[in-house]
Protein backbone atom coordinates (compact mmCIF):
# COMPACT_ATOMS: atom_id res chain seq x y z
CA MET A 1 0.06 -0.05 0.02
CA ALA A 2 1.39 3.37 -0.92
CA ASN A 3 0.77 6.72 0.84
CA ILE A 4 0.49 9.54 -1.74
CA VAL A 5 0.37 13.17 -0.91
CA VAL A 6 -0.86 15.81 -3.44
CA LEU A 7 0.06 19.33 -2.60
CA GLY A 8 -2.34 22.09 -3.73
CA ALA A 9 -6.17 21.87 -4.31
CA GLY A 10 -6.41 23.86 -7.50
CA ILE A 11 -7.50 22.47 -10.80
CA GLY A 12 -4.29 20.40 -11.11
CA GLY A 13 -4.28 19.06 -7.55
CA VAL A 14 -7.85 18.16 -7.30
CA SER A 15 -7.71 16.42 -10.70
CA VAL A 16 -4.54 14.51 -9.88
CA ALA A 17 -6.08 13.29 -6.55
CA TYR A 18 -9.28 12.14 -8.43
CA GLU A 19 -7.23 10.33 -11.03
CA LEU A 20 -4.85 8.71 -8.76
CA LYS A 21 -7.81 7.34 -6.54
CA ALA A 22 -9.50 6.12 -9.62
CA LYS A 23 -6.48 4.37 -11.14
CA LEU A 24 -5.01 2.97 -7.72
CA GLY A 25 -8.27 2.27 -5.91
CA ARG A 26 -8.81 1.46 -2.14
CA LYS A 27 -5.48 -0.22 -1.59
CA HIS A 28 -3.60 3.06 -1.70
CA VAL A 29 -4.02 6.17 0.49
CA ILE A 30 -4.37 9.52 -1.38
CA LYS A 31 -4.20 12.66 0.79
CA LEU A 32 -4.83 16.20 -0.68
CA ILE A 33 -3.21 19.07 1.18
CA SER A 34 -4.40 22.65 0.70
CA SER A 35 -4.10 26.01 2.56
CA LEU A 36 -7.81 26.56 1.68
CA THR A 37 -10.95 24.57 2.72
CA TYR A 38 -12.56 25.24 -0.70
CA PHE A 39 -11.81 24.96 -4.48
CA GLN A 40 -12.42 28.08 -6.52
CA PHE A 41 -12.85 27.95 -10.26
CA THR A 42 -10.37 30.68 -10.90
CA PRO A 43 -11.34 31.30 -14.67
CA SER A 44 -14.81 32.37 -13.37
CA ASN A 45 -13.44 35.20 -11.18
CA PRO A 46 -14.12 37.92 -13.70
CA TRP A 47 -17.83 36.80 -13.69
CA VAL A 48 -18.05 37.48 -9.99
CA GLY A 49 -16.36 40.91 -10.52
CA VAL A 50 -18.94 42.00 -13.02
CA GLY A 51 -21.85 40.55 -11.18
CA TRP A 52 -22.77 37.60 -13.45
CA ARG A 53 -22.10 35.05 -10.83
CA LYS A 54 -21.86 35.04 -7.01
CA ARG A 55 -18.83 33.57 -5.11
CA LYS A 56 -20.83 30.61 -3.94
CA ASP A 57 -21.54 29.74 -7.56
CA ILE A 58 -17.82 29.18 -8.33
CA THR A 59 -16.58 27.63 -5.11
CA LEU A 60 -16.95 24.10 -3.60
CA ASP A 61 -16.19 22.91 -0.13
CA LEU A 62 -13.48 20.26 -0.51
CA ALA A 63 -13.80 18.16 2.68
CA PRO A 64 -17.15 16.60 1.69
CA LEU A 65 -16.01 16.03 -1.98
CA MET A 66 -12.84 14.34 -0.90
CA LYS A 67 -14.66 12.25 1.80
CA ARG A 68 -17.18 11.00 -0.86
CA ARG A 69 -14.21 9.89 -2.99
CA ARG A 70 -12.26 8.40 -0.01
CA ILE A 71 -9.41 10.84 -0.48
CA GLY A 72 -7.91 12.33 2.70
CA PHE A 73 -7.86 16.07 3.02
CA GLU A 74 -5.95 18.68 5.17
CA SER A 75 -6.82 22.42 4.80
CA CYS A 76 -3.91 23.52 6.91
CA GLY A 77 -1.43 23.91 4.20
CA ALA A 78 2.20 22.59 3.92
CA LYS A 79 5.05 24.35 5.60
CA GLN A 80 7.93 22.19 4.52
CA ILE A 81 8.68 18.98 2.54
CA SER A 82 11.36 16.73 3.95
CA PRO A 83 12.12 14.37 1.04
CA ALA A 84 14.78 12.35 2.90
CA GLU A 85 12.22 11.53 5.62
CA ASN A 86 9.24 11.17 3.26
CA VAL A 87 7.33 13.73 5.35
CA VAL A 88 5.38 16.89 4.80
CA GLU A 89 5.16 19.31 7.69
CA LEU A 90 1.89 21.08 7.86
CA ASN A 91 1.58 24.65 9.03
CA ASP A 92 0.26 23.51 12.36
CA GLY A 93 3.29 21.31 12.96
CA ARG A 94 1.58 18.02 12.21
CA LEU A 95 3.53 15.60 9.89
CA VAL A 96 2.10 13.68 7.00
CA GLY A 97 4.09 10.75 5.69
CA TYR A 98 4.30 9.49 2.09
CA ASP A 99 6.17 6.77 0.12
């Protein structure tokens, strides 16, 4: 069983986490780490600016989405990566291991 960490929950990070889970299945642990609790579809920001959409229309809470797909989620953000130890230190001091 592998423990895989994906840093960043933008378009790329969320897509990678979904694809890894789909390809690798339940035997492997995928964890998504972000400094935000939500995903925001950035290309739609101008629509909010001109009043065509509201912020709630272009954002999604990540925790329930990741839970439904059995992907771990941390919204604390990453402070430091220690590749020699296979560890990501979160901003609150907790350590998340990977292999």
